[in-house]
């Protein structure tokens, strides 16, 4: 595919006799944020380190912008920006000195370094702190500088490991918006344990458990992985609970408030229509009827085999 920036084929890696990942295959398109999920020890970090060229895999291939990472690592890494969970900051550097140093490490042409640093400063909203020492920045601005070093060489693919870790709610919102802006013209792989982070920023999810890919698809597909089996209904003049149980397909009734009920149902789409029809025909005063989807936490638990439901 022309718009594929990352292609992973039959990726496997082992430490001594134990396989950390086995036969992982996936692709990442050239734009948008992709979430990388997995429990501790699932193989997520190993996969991320291999994709970034930090670790050489035991088997399989990784292609970055069509370049084989194993055969041509220097050329492939020109297309990769990486912000690890523990930022490699030098506290006695100014922001501008640090980004200049990073640009040199990333082999940006000498004549283009000043422009590249200026662009990264502006893009990440830290230009007004260019002369400030890194040690004197807040956690939120240090994260911004961490993202700036990952994009200073204008890579096509950026990997961010727990980019909002340790930030306060306002800083989290700011960094989320920054990530979305960056992903408008490049692919971003976001590794995080915070499921609300995935919900807020990602369009697609890759999930690894026990060294294998257990899910690869859109956020909507992940959200709907567990078929809904409950309805939430709000009635202005509710009947006794036994009357709700008479509707075909309804298996259980839980009263949440005087006017609000959770109805367990058989999973059939038409059951919701039958509930609505009964509410109208019997003058229950239907105010709200929604299908209650499983939480992202429940889906994560199911996929990670922590919930045998």
C-alpha atoms as a PDB file:
ATOM      1  CA  UNK A   1       0.000   0.000   0.000  1.00  0.00           C
ATOM      2  CA  UNK A   2       1.308   3.459  -0.949  1.00  0.00           C
ATOM      3  CA  UNK A   3       0.245   5.090   2.302  1.00  0.00           C
ATOM      4  CA  UNK A   4       1.867   2.459   4.555  1.00  0.00           C
ATOM      5  CA  UNK A   5       4.746   3.921   6.568  1.00  0.00           C
ATOM      6  CA  UNK A   6       5.453   0.921   8.854  1.00  0.00           C
ATOM      7  CA  UNK A   7       5.229  -2.735   7.902  1.00  0.00           C
ATOM      8  CA  UNK A   8       6.038  -5.512  10.377  1.00  0.00           C
ATOM      9  CA  UNK A   9       6.305  -9.070   9.031  1.00  0.00           C
ATOM     10  CA  UNK A  10       6.522 -12.228  11.177  1.00  0.00           C
ATOM     11  CA  UNK A  11       8.352 -10.361  13.933  1.00  0.00           C
ATOM     12  CA  UNK A  12       9.744 -12.606  16.681  1.00  0.00           C
ATOM     13  CA  UNK A  13      12.279 -12.040  19.424  1.00  0.00           C
ATOM     14  CA  UNK A  14      13.548 -14.060  22.329  1.00  0.00           C
ATOM     15  CA  UNK A  15      15.706 -13.452  25.365  1.00  0.00           C
ATOM     16  CA  UNK A  16      17.739 -16.587  26.072  1.00  0.00           C
ATOM     17  CA  UNK A  17      15.203 -19.423  25.732  1.00  0.00           C
ATOM     18  CA  UNK A  18      12.046 -17.360  26.257  1.00  0.00           C
ATOM     19  CA  UNK A  19      10.186 -15.744  23.362  1.00  0.00           C
ATOM     20  CA  UNK A  20       9.097 -12.180  24.114  1.00  0.00           C
ATOM     21  CA  UNK A  21       7.129 -11.782  20.868  1.00  0.00           C
ATOM     22  CA  UNK A  22       6.095 -14.364  18.269  1.00  0.00           C
ATOM     23  CA  UNK A  23       5.010 -13.898  14.659  1.00  0.00           C
ATOM     24  CA  UNK A  24       3.656 -10.342  14.928  1.00  0.00           C
ATOM     25  CA  UNK A  25       2.318  -8.786  11.727  1.00  0.00           C
ATOM     26  CA  UNK A  26       0.810  -5.320  11.240  1.00  0.00           C
ATOM     27  CA  UNK A  27       0.936  -2.146   9.176  1.00  0.00           C
ATOM     28  CA  UNK A  28       0.627   1.528  10.093  1.00  0.00           C
ATOM     29  CA  UNK A  29      -0.627   4.145   7.653  1.00  0.00           C
ATOM     30  CA  UNK A  30       1.131   7.439   7.027  1.00  0.00           C
ATOM     31  CA  UNK A  31      -1.155   9.656   9.130  1.00  0.00           C
ATOM     32  CA  UNK A  32      -2.960   9.598  12.473  1.00  0.00           C
ATOM     33  CA  UNK A  33      -2.378   8.209  15.961  1.00  0.00           C
ATOM     34  CA  UNK A  34      -2.196   4.455  16.578  1.00  0.00           C
ATOM     35  CA  UNK A  35      -2.364   3.187  20.157  1.00  0.00           C
ATOM     36  CA  UNK A  36      -0.086   0.351  21.273  1.00  0.00           C
ATOM     37  CA  UNK A  37      -1.578  -1.503  24.239  1.00  0.00           C
ATOM     38  CA  UNK A  38      -0.514  -4.442  26.343  1.00  0.00           C
ATOM     39  CA  UNK A  39      -0.144  -5.596  29.927  1.00  0.00           C
ATOM     40  CA  UNK A  40       3.201  -5.419  31.698  1.00  0.00           C
ATOM     41  CA  UNK A  41       5.450  -8.105  30.235  1.00  0.00           C
ATOM     42  CA  UNK A  42       3.206  -8.623  27.191  1.00  0.00           C
ATOM     43  CA  UNK A  43       5.965  -7.799  24.672  1.00  0.00           C
ATOM     44  CA  UNK A  44       4.906  -4.222  23.966  1.00  0.00           C
ATOM     45  CA  UNK A  45       8.232  -2.611  24.882  1.00  0.00           C
ATOM     46  CA  UNK A  46      10.189  -5.250  22.964  1.00  0.00           C
ATOM     47  CA  UNK A  47       8.104  -4.594  19.849  1.00  0.00           C
ATOM     48  CA  UNK A  48       8.494  -0.831  20.231  1.00  0.00           C
ATOM     49  CA  UNK A  49      12.266  -1.056  20.712  1.00  0.00           C
ATOM     50  CA  UNK A  50      12.650  -3.251  17.625  1.00  0.00           C
ATOM     51  CA  UNK A  51      10.553  -0.892  15.496  1.00  0.00           C
ATOM     52  CA  UNK A  52      12.694   2.045  16.658  1.00  0.00           C
ATOM     53  CA  UNK A  53      15.928   0.189  15.872  1.00  0.00           C
ATOM     54  CA  UNK A  54      17.030   0.011  19.510  1.00  0.00           C
ATOM     55  CA  UNK A  55      16.870  -3.793  19.543  1.00  0.00           C
ATOM     56  CA  UNK A  56      17.650  -6.242  16.748  1.00  0.00           C
ATOM     57  CA  UNK A  57      14.959  -8.890  16.315  1.00  0.00           C
ATOM     58  CA  UNK A  58      15.581 -12.656  16.299  1.00  0.00           C
ATOM     59  CA  UNK A  59      13.323 -13.213  13.280  1.00  0.00           C
ATOM     60  CA  UNK A  60      11.128 -11.260  10.896  1.00  0.00           C
ATOM     61  CA  UNK A  61      11.356  -7.936   9.108  1.00  0.00           C
ATOM     62  CA  UNK A  62      10.490  -4.306   9.838  1.00  0.00           C
ATOM     63  CA  UNK A  63      10.106  -1.803   7.012  1.00  0.00           C
ATOM     64  CA  UNK A  64      10.045   1.947   7.655  1.00  0.00           C
ATOM     65  CA  UNK A  65       8.851   3.918   4.638  1.00  0.00           C
ATOM     66  CA  UNK A  66       9.713   0.889   2.515  1.00  0.00           C
ATOM     67  CA  UNK A  67      13.269   0.579   3.910  1.00  0.00           C
ATOM     68  CA  UNK A  68      14.323  -2.631   5.649  1.00  0.00           C
ATOM     69  CA  UNK A  69      15.378  -1.555   9.147  1.00  0.00           C
ATOM     70  CA  UNK A  70      17.711  -4.519   9.597  1.00  0.00           C
ATOM     71  CA  UNK A  71      19.483  -4.181   6.237  1.00  0.00           C
ATOM     72  CA  UNK A  72      19.682  -0.381   6.113  1.00  0.00           C
ATOM     73  CA  UNK A  73      19.299   0.918   9.685  1.00  0.00           C
ATOM     74  CA  UNK A  74      20.756   4.416   9.214  1.00  0.00           C
ATOM     75  CA  UNK A  75      18.513   5.264   6.259  1.00  0.00           C
ATOM     76  CA  UNK A  76      15.443   3.752   7.936  1.00  0.00           C
ATOM     77  CA  UNK A  77      16.045   5.656  11.190  1.00  0.00           C
ATOM     78  CA  UNK A  78      16.034   8.968   9.321  1.00  0.00           C
ATOM     79  CA  UNK A  79      12.273   8.397   9.145  1.00  0.00           C
ATOM     80  CA  UNK A  80      11.846   7.598  12.872  1.00  0.00           C
ATOM     81  CA  UNK A  81      11.389   9.931  15.838  1.00  0.00           C
ATOM     82  CA  UNK A  82      11.348   8.397  19.315  1.00  0.00           C
ATOM     83  CA  UNK A  83      10.397   9.810  22.712  1.00  0.00           C
ATOM     84  CA  UNK A  84      11.099   7.192  25.412  1.00  0.00           C
ATOM     85  CA  UNK A  85       9.220   7.139  28.699  1.00  0.00           C
ATOM     86  CA  UNK A  86      12.290   8.442  30.535  1.00  0.00           C
ATOM     87  CA  UNK A  87      13.259  11.553  28.587  1.00  0.00           C
ATOM     88  CA  UNK A  88      16.948  11.839  27.639  1.00  0.00           C
ATOM     89  CA  UNK A  89      17.186  15.478  28.703  1.00  0.00           C
ATOM     90  CA  UNK A  90      20.392  17.314  29.636  1.00  0.00           C
ATOM     91  CA  UNK A  91      19.320  19.635  32.476  1.00  0.00           C
ATOM     92  CA  UNK A  92      22.140  22.171  31.970  1.00  0.00           C
ATOM     93  CA  UNK A  93      21.305  22.711  28.279  1.00  0.00           C
ATOM     94  CA  UNK A  94      18.933  25.417  27.165  1.00  0.00           C
ATOM     95  CA  UNK A  95      15.958  24.235  25.148  1.00  0.00           C
ATOM     96  CA  UNK A  96      17.519  25.551  21.925  1.00  0.00           C
ATOM     97  CA  UNK A  97      20.931  24.024  22.673  1.00  0.00           C
ATOM     98  CA  UNK A  98      19.343  20.664  23.370  1.00  0.00           C
ATOM     99  CA  UNK A  99      17.264  20.614  20.173  1.00  0.00           C
ATOM    100  CA  UNK A 100      20.296  21.739  18.152  1.00  0.00           C
ATOM    101  CA  UNK A 101      22.267  18.848  19.636  1.00  0.00           C
ATOM    102  CA  UNK A 102      19.435  16.425  18.793  1.00  0.00           C
ATOM    103  CA  UNK A 103      19.250  17.732  15.226  1.00  0.00           C
ATOM    104  CA  UNK A 104      22.984  17.095  14.835  1.00  0.00           C
ATOM    105  CA  UNK A 105      22.579  13.556  16.174  1.00  0.00           C
ATOM    106  CA  UNK A 106      19.744  12.980  13.675  1.00  0.00           C
ATOM    107  CA  UNK A 107      22.049  14.021  10.790  1.00  0.00           C
ATOM    108  CA  UNK A 108      20.095  17.124   9.815  1.00  0.00           C
ATOM    109  CA  UNK A 109      22.193  19.082   7.297  1.00  0.00           C
ATOM    110  CA  UNK A 110      24.207  21.821   9.024  1.00  0.00           C
ATOM    111  CA  UNK A 111      22.636  24.526   6.851  1.00  0.00           C
ATOM    112  CA  UNK A 112      19.149  23.325   7.858  1.00  0.00           C
ATOM    113  CA  UNK A 113      19.651  22.844  11.612  1.00  0.00           C
ATOM    114  CA  UNK A 114      18.635  26.361  12.686  1.00  0.00           C
ATOM    115  CA  UNK A 115      15.451  26.198  10.603  1.00  0.00           C
ATOM    116  CA  UNK A 116      14.640  22.659  11.815  1.00  0.00           C
ATOM    117  CA  UNK A 117      15.072  23.666  15.465  1.00  0.00           C
ATOM    118  CA  UNK A 118      12.962  26.802  14.970  1.00  0.00           C
ATOM    119  CA  UNK A 119      10.172  24.757  13.390  1.00  0.00           C
ATOM    120  CA  UNK A 120      10.193  22.200  16.213  1.00  0.00           C
ATOM    121  CA  UNK A 121      10.178  24.984  18.844  1.00  0.00           C
ATOM    122  CA  UNK A 122       7.152  26.633  17.248  1.00  0.00           C
ATOM    123  CA  UNK A 123       5.329  23.388  16.537  1.00  0.00           C
ATOM    124  CA  UNK A 124       5.599  22.243  20.151  1.00  0.00           C
ATOM    125  CA  UNK A 125       4.853  25.617  21.715  1.00  0.00           C
ATOM    126  CA  UNK A 126       8.211  26.100  23.469  1.00  0.00           C
ATOM    127  CA  UNK A 127       9.746  28.892  21.353  1.00  0.00           C
ATOM    128  CA  UNK A 128       9.313  31.414  24.171  1.00  0.00           C
ATOM    129  CA  UNK A 129      11.439  29.151  26.409  1.00  0.00           C
ATOM    130  CA  UNK A 130      14.235  28.620  23.888  1.00  0.00           C
ATOM    131  CA  UNK A 131      16.878  30.163  26.212  1.00  0.00           C
ATOM    132  CA  UNK A 132      15.618  28.569  29.415  1.00  0.00           C
ATOM    133  CA  UNK A 133      17.536  25.702  31.018  1.00  0.00           C
ATOM    134  CA  UNK A 134      15.779  22.362  30.756  1.00  0.00           C
ATOM    135  CA  UNK A 135      16.042  21.895  34.527  1.00  0.00           C
ATOM    136  CA  UNK A 136      13.877  24.988  35.022  1.00  0.00           C
ATOM    137  CA  UNK A 137      10.957  23.785  32.877  1.00  0.00           C
ATOM    138  CA  UNK A 138       7.753  22.304  34.307  1.00  0.00           C
ATOM    139  CA  UNK A 139       6.937  18.662  33.640  1.00  0.00           C
ATOM    140  CA  UNK A 140       4.483  19.612  30.904  1.00  0.00           C
ATOM    141  CA  UNK A 141       7.017  21.723  29.037  1.00  0.00           C
ATOM    142  CA  UNK A 142       9.704  19.071  29.429  1.00  0.00           C
ATOM    143  CA  UNK A 143       7.304  16.659  27.712  1.00  0.00           C
ATOM    144  CA  UNK A 144       6.840  19.203  24.920  1.00  0.00           C
ATOM    145  CA  UNK A 145      10.611  19.401  24.489  1.00  0.00           C
ATOM    146  CA  UNK A 146      10.705  15.589  24.439  1.00  0.00           C
ATOM    147  CA  UNK A 147       8.212  15.592  21.573  1.00  0.00           C
ATOM    148  CA  UNK A 148      10.144  18.402  19.858  1.00  0.00           C
ATOM    149  CA  UNK A 149      13.353  16.322  19.824  1.00  0.00           C
ATOM    150  CA  UNK A 150      11.376  13.448  18.290  1.00  0.00           C
ATOM    151  CA  UNK A 151      10.221  15.596  15.347  1.00  0.00           C
ATOM    152  CA  UNK A 152      13.195  17.967  14.893  1.00  0.00           C
ATOM    153  CA  UNK A 153      14.408  15.996  11.847  1.00  0.00           C
ATOM    154  CA  UNK A 154      10.879  15.886  10.370  1.00  0.00           C
ATOM    155  CA  UNK A 155      10.426  12.091  10.462  1.00  0.00           C
ATOM    156  CA  UNK A 156       7.511  10.333   8.805  1.00  0.00           C
ATOM    157  CA  UNK A 157       6.969   8.097  11.863  1.00  0.00           C
ATOM    158  CA  UNK A 158       7.033   9.112  15.555  1.00  0.00           C
ATOM    159  CA  UNK A 159       6.908   6.761  18.555  1.00  0.00           C
ATOM    160  CA  UNK A 160       5.821   8.222  21.893  1.00  0.00           C
ATOM    161  CA  UNK A 161       6.132   6.095  25.034  1.00  0.00           C
ATOM    162  CA  UNK A 162       3.759   7.219  27.819  1.00  0.00           C
ATOM    163  CA  UNK A 163       3.909  10.904  26.737  1.00  0.00           C
ATOM    164  CA  UNK A 164       1.500  12.163  29.428  1.00  0.00           C
ATOM    165  CA  UNK A 165       2.976  10.185  32.316  1.00  0.00           C
ATOM    166  CA  UNK A 166       3.148  12.285  35.502  1.00  0.00           C
ATOM    167  CA  UNK A 167       1.356  15.326  34.087  1.00  0.00           C
ATOM    168  CA  UNK A 168      -1.538  17.185  35.687  1.00  0.00           C
ATOM    169  CA  UNK A 169      -4.970  17.235  33.937  1.00  0.00           C
ATOM    170  CA  UNK A 170      -4.357  20.578  32.178  1.00  0.00           C
ATOM    171  CA  UNK A 171      -0.939  19.487  30.927  1.00  0.00           C
ATOM    172  CA  UNK A 172      -2.413  16.193  29.707  1.00  0.00           C
ATOM    173  CA  UNK A 173      -4.971  18.040  27.576  1.00  0.00           C
ATOM    174  CA  UNK A 174      -2.246  20.268  26.118  1.00  0.00           C
ATOM    175  CA  UNK A 175       0.016  17.344  25.215  1.00  0.00           C
ATOM    176  CA  UNK A 176      -2.934  15.401  23.739  1.00  0.00           C
ATOM    177  CA  UNK A 177      -3.756  18.324  21.462  1.00  0.00           C
ATOM    178  CA  UNK A 178      -0.097  18.615  20.461  1.00  0.00           C
ATOM    179  CA  UNK A 179       0.030  14.912  19.557  1.00  0.00           C
ATOM    180  CA  UNK A 180      -3.103  15.263  17.422  1.00  0.00           C
ATOM    181  CA  UNK A 181      -1.584  18.232  15.588  1.00  0.00           C
ATOM    182  CA  UNK A 182       1.656  16.368  14.914  1.00  0.00           C
ATOM    183  CA  UNK A 183      -0.287  13.361  13.601  1.00  0.00           C
ATOM    184  CA  UNK A 184      -1.973  15.463  10.889  1.00  0.00           C
ATOM    185  CA  UNK A 185       1.022  14.972   8.593  1.00  0.00           C
ATOM    186  CA  UNK A 186       2.774  11.893   9.969  1.00  0.00           C
ATOM    187  CA  UNK A 187       2.122   8.554  11.677  1.00  0.00           C
ATOM    188  CA  UNK A 188       2.312   8.460  15.470  1.00  0.00           C
ATOM    189  CA  UNK A 189       2.535   5.279  17.550  1.00  0.00           C
ATOM    190  CA  UNK A 190       1.387   6.015  21.093  1.00  0.00           C
ATOM    191  CA  UNK A 191       2.285   3.514  23.794  1.00  0.00           C
ATOM    192  CA  UNK A 192       0.245   3.981  26.968  1.00  0.00           C
ATOM    193  CA  UNK A 193      -1.413   2.154  29.857  1.00  0.00           C
ATOM    194  CA  UNK A 194      -4.066   4.857  30.189  1.00  0.00           C
ATOM    195  CA  UNK A 195      -7.135   3.748  28.241  1.00  0.00           C
ATOM    196  CA  UNK A 196      -8.740   7.211  28.374  1.00  0.00           C
ATOM    197  CA  UNK A 197      -5.612   8.430  26.565  1.00  0.00           C
ATOM    198  CA  UNK A 198      -6.288   5.963  23.763  1.00  0.00           C
ATOM    199  CA  UNK A 199      -9.932   6.996  23.581  1.00  0.00           C
ATOM    200  CA  UNK A 200      -8.995  10.683  23.371  1.00  0.00           C
ATOM    201  CA  UNK A 201      -6.233  10.511  20.756  1.00  0.00           C
ATOM    202  CA  UNK A 202      -6.143   7.256  18.772  1.00  0.00           C
ATOM    203  CA  UNK A 203      -7.970   6.227  15.608  1.00  0.00           C
ATOM    204  CA  UNK A 204      -6.563   2.703  15.626  1.00  0.00           C
ATOM    205  CA  UNK A 205      -5.337   0.194  18.217  1.00  0.00           C
ATOM    206  CA  UNK A 206      -2.736  -2.576  18.214  1.00  0.00           C
ATOM    207  CA  UNK A 207      -2.761  -4.792  21.302  1.00  0.00           C
ATOM    208  CA  UNK A 208      -0.119  -7.348  22.256  1.00  0.00           C
ATOM    209  CA  UNK A 209      -0.562 -10.018  24.923  1.00  0.00           C
ATOM    210  CA  UNK A 210       1.767 -12.899  25.772  1.00  0.00           C
ATOM    211  CA  UNK A 211       3.963 -11.915  22.845  1.00  0.00           C
ATOM    212  CA  UNK A 212       1.230 -12.126  20.227  1.00  0.00           C
ATOM    213  CA  UNK A 213      -1.047  -9.649  18.493  1.00  0.00           C
ATOM    214  CA  UNK A 214      -4.515 -10.128  19.961  1.00  0.00           C
ATOM    215  CA  UNK A 215      -6.189  -7.103  18.377  1.00  0.00           C
ATOM    216  CA  UNK A 216      -5.559  -4.822  15.419  1.00  0.00           C
ATOM    217  CA  UNK A 217      -8.294  -2.493  14.235  1.00  0.00           C
ATOM    218  CA  UNK A 218     -10.103   0.791  14.664  1.00  0.00           C
ATOM    219  CA  UNK A 219     -11.020   2.325  18.009  1.00  0.00           C
ATOM    220  CA  UNK A 220     -14.665   1.673  17.134  1.00  0.00           C
ATOM    221  CA  UNK A 221     -13.942  -2.030  16.556  1.00  0.00           C
ATOM    222  CA  UNK A 222     -12.126  -2.200  19.894  1.00  0.00           C
ATOM    223  CA  UNK A 223     -15.007  -0.404  21.598  1.00  0.00           C
ATOM    224  CA  UNK A 224     -17.472  -2.931  20.145  1.00  0.00           C
ATOM    225  CA  UNK A 225     -15.310  -6.019  20.710  1.00  0.00           C
ATOM    226  CA  UNK A 226     -17.676  -7.250  23.419  1.00  0.00           C
ATOM    227  CA  UNK A 227     -21.218  -7.342  22.094  1.00  0.00           C
ATOM    228  CA  UNK A 228     -23.503  -5.124  24.210  1.00  0.00           C
ATOM    229  CA  UNK A 229     -26.146  -6.976  26.228  1.00  0.00           C
ATOM    230  CA  UNK A 230     -27.680  -4.179  28.306  1.00  0.00           C
ATOM    231  CA  UNK A 231     -29.934  -1.216  27.592  1.00  0.00           C
ATOM    232  CA  UNK A 232     -30.345   1.909  29.711  1.00  0.00           C
ATOM    233  CA  UNK A 233     -33.879   3.304  29.633  1.00  0.00           C
ATOM    234  CA  UNK A 234     -35.309   6.427  31.268  1.00  0.00           C
ATOM    235  CA  UNK A 235     -39.100   6.659  31.651  1.00  0.00           C
ATOM    236  CA  UNK A 236     -41.241   9.585  32.813  1.00  0.00           C
ATOM    237  CA  UNK A 237     -44.020   7.314  34.129  1.00  0.00           C
ATOM    238  CA  UNK A 238     -42.345   3.947  34.654  1.00  0.00           C
ATOM    239  CA  UNK A 239     -44.362   0.766  35.242  1.00  0.00           C
ATOM    240  CA  UNK A 240     -43.554  -1.931  37.797  1.00  0.00           C
ATOM    241  CA  UNK A 241     -40.414  -3.892  36.915  1.00  0.00           C
ATOM    242  CA  UNK A 242     -42.464  -6.999  36.083  1.00  0.00           C
ATOM    243  CA  UNK A 243     -44.053  -5.093  33.172  1.00  0.00           C
ATOM    244  CA  UNK A 244     -40.609  -4.409  31.674  1.00  0.00           C
ATOM    245  CA  UNK A 245     -39.797  -8.120  31.849  1.00  0.00           C
ATOM    246  CA  UNK A 246     -42.814  -8.885  29.643  1.00  0.00           C
ATOM    247  CA  UNK A 247     -41.110  -7.255  26.635  1.00  0.00           C
ATOM    248  CA  UNK A 248     -39.764  -9.964  24.344  1.00  0.00           C
ATOM    249  CA  UNK A 249     -35.976 -10.322  24.621  1.00  0.00           C
ATOM    250  CA  UNK A 250     -35.639  -8.677  28.054  1.00  0.00           C
ATOM    251  CA  UNK A 251     -33.960 -11.008  30.540  1.00  0.00           C
ATOM    252  CA  UNK A 252     -33.389  -8.852  33.619  1.00  0.00           C
ATOM    253  CA  UNK A 253     -34.303  -5.453  35.070  1.00  0.00           C
ATOM    254  CA  UNK A 254     -32.183  -3.367  37.455  1.00  0.00           C
ATOM    255  CA  UNK A 255     -33.667  -0.136  38.774  1.00  0.00           C
ATOM    256  CA  UNK A 256     -30.945   2.532  38.890  1.00  0.00           C
ATOM    257  CA  UNK A 257     -33.203   5.382  40.057  1.00  0.00           C
ATOM    258  CA  UNK A 258     -36.969   5.998  40.240  1.00  0.00           C
ATOM    259  CA  UNK A 259     -37.018   6.714  36.499  1.00  0.00           C
ATOM    260  CA  UNK A 260     -33.936   4.922  35.141  1.00  0.00           C
ATOM    261  CA  UNK A 261     -33.461   1.178  34.504  1.00  0.00           C
ATOM    262  CA  UNK A 262     -30.776  -1.162  33.184  1.00  0.00           C
ATOM    263  CA  UNK A 263     -32.324  -3.901  31.061  1.00  0.00           C
ATOM    264  CA  UNK A 264     -30.404  -7.093  30.335  1.00  0.00           C
ATOM    265  CA  UNK A 265     -31.374  -8.331  26.877  1.00  0.00           C
ATOM    266  CA  UNK A 266     -30.645 -11.081  24.376  1.00  0.00           C
ATOM    267  CA  UNK A 267     -28.296  -9.040  22.180  1.00  0.00           C
ATOM    268  CA  UNK A 268     -30.728  -8.790  19.280  1.00  0.00           C
ATOM    269  CA  UNK A 269     -30.819  -5.323  17.705  1.00  0.00           C
ATOM    270  CA  UNK A 270     -34.609  -5.463  17.343  1.00  0.00           C
ATOM    271  CA  UNK A 271     -35.065  -5.881  21.096  1.00  0.00           C
ATOM    272  CA  UNK A 272     -34.342  -2.171  21.628  1.00  0.00           C
ATOM    273  CA  UNK A 273     -37.028  -1.371  19.056  1.00  0.00           C
ATOM    274  CA  UNK A 274     -39.491  -3.621  20.898  1.00  0.00           C
ATOM    275  CA  UNK A 275     -38.739  -1.839  24.188  1.00  0.00           C
ATOM    276  CA  UNK A 276     -39.298   1.538  22.529  1.00  0.00           C
ATOM    277  CA  UNK A 277     -42.565   0.342  20.956  1.00  0.00           C
ATOM    278  CA  UNK A 278     -43.823  -0.987  24.303  1.00  0.00           C
ATOM    279  CA  UNK A 279     -42.917   2.293  26.031  1.00  0.00           C
ATOM    280  CA  UNK A 280     -44.874   4.294  23.452  1.00  0.00           C
ATOM    281  CA  UNK A 281     -47.919   1.997  23.290  1.00  0.00           C
ATOM    282  CA  UNK A 282     -48.231   1.771  27.088  1.00  0.00           C
ATOM    283  CA  UNK A 283     -47.536   5.462  27.801  1.00  0.00           C
ATOM    284  CA  UNK A 284     -44.425   4.948  29.911  1.00  0.00           C
ATOM    285  CA  UNK A 285     -43.110   8.351  28.775  1.00  0.00           C
ATOM    286  CA  UNK A 286     -39.923   7.271  27.008  1.00  0.00           C
ATOM    287  CA  UNK A 287     -37.228   9.906  27.628  1.00  0.00           C
ATOM    288  CA  UNK A 288     -34.033   8.005  26.784  1.00  0.00           C
ATOM    289  CA  UNK A 289     -33.003   4.616  25.402  1.00  0.00           C
ATOM    290  CA  UNK A 290     -29.353   3.784  24.843  1.00  0.00           C
ATOM    291  CA  UNK A 291     -27.311   0.637  24.222  1.00  0.00           C
ATOM    292  CA  UNK A 292     -24.764   0.324  27.011  1.00  0.00           C
ATOM    293  CA  UNK A 293     -21.398  -0.528  25.511  1.00  0.00           C
ATOM    294  CA  UNK A 294     -18.644  -2.263  27.425  1.00  0.00           C
ATOM    295  CA  UNK A 295     -15.965   0.027  28.846  1.00  0.00           C
ATOM    296  CA  UNK A 296     -12.494   0.071  27.285  1.00  0.00           C
ATOM    297  CA  UNK A 297     -11.266  -1.456  30.548  1.00  0.00           C
ATOM    298  CA  UNK A 298     -13.627  -4.414  30.107  1.00  0.00           C
ATOM    299  CA  UNK A 299     -12.466  -4.942  26.521  1.00  0.00           C
ATOM    300  CA  UNK A 300      -8.818  -4.710  27.606  1.00  0.00           C
ATOM    301  CA  UNK A 301      -9.458  -7.259  30.362  1.00  0.00           C
ATOM    302  CA  UNK A 302     -11.169  -9.644  27.942  1.00  0.00           C
ATOM    303  CA  UNK A 303      -8.362  -9.403  25.403  1.00  0.00           C
ATOM    304  CA  UNK A 304      -5.657  -9.802  28.035  1.00  0.00           C
ATOM    305  CA  UNK A 305      -7.442 -12.934  29.323  1.00  0.00           C
ATOM    306  CA  UNK A 306      -7.891 -11.468  32.792  1.00  0.00           C
ATOM    307  CA  UNK A 307     -11.648 -11.797  32.492  1.00  0.00           C
ATOM    308  CA  UNK A 308     -13.065 -15.152  31.471  1.00  0.00           C
ATOM    309  CA  UNK A 309     -16.574 -13.855  30.963  1.00  0.00           C
END
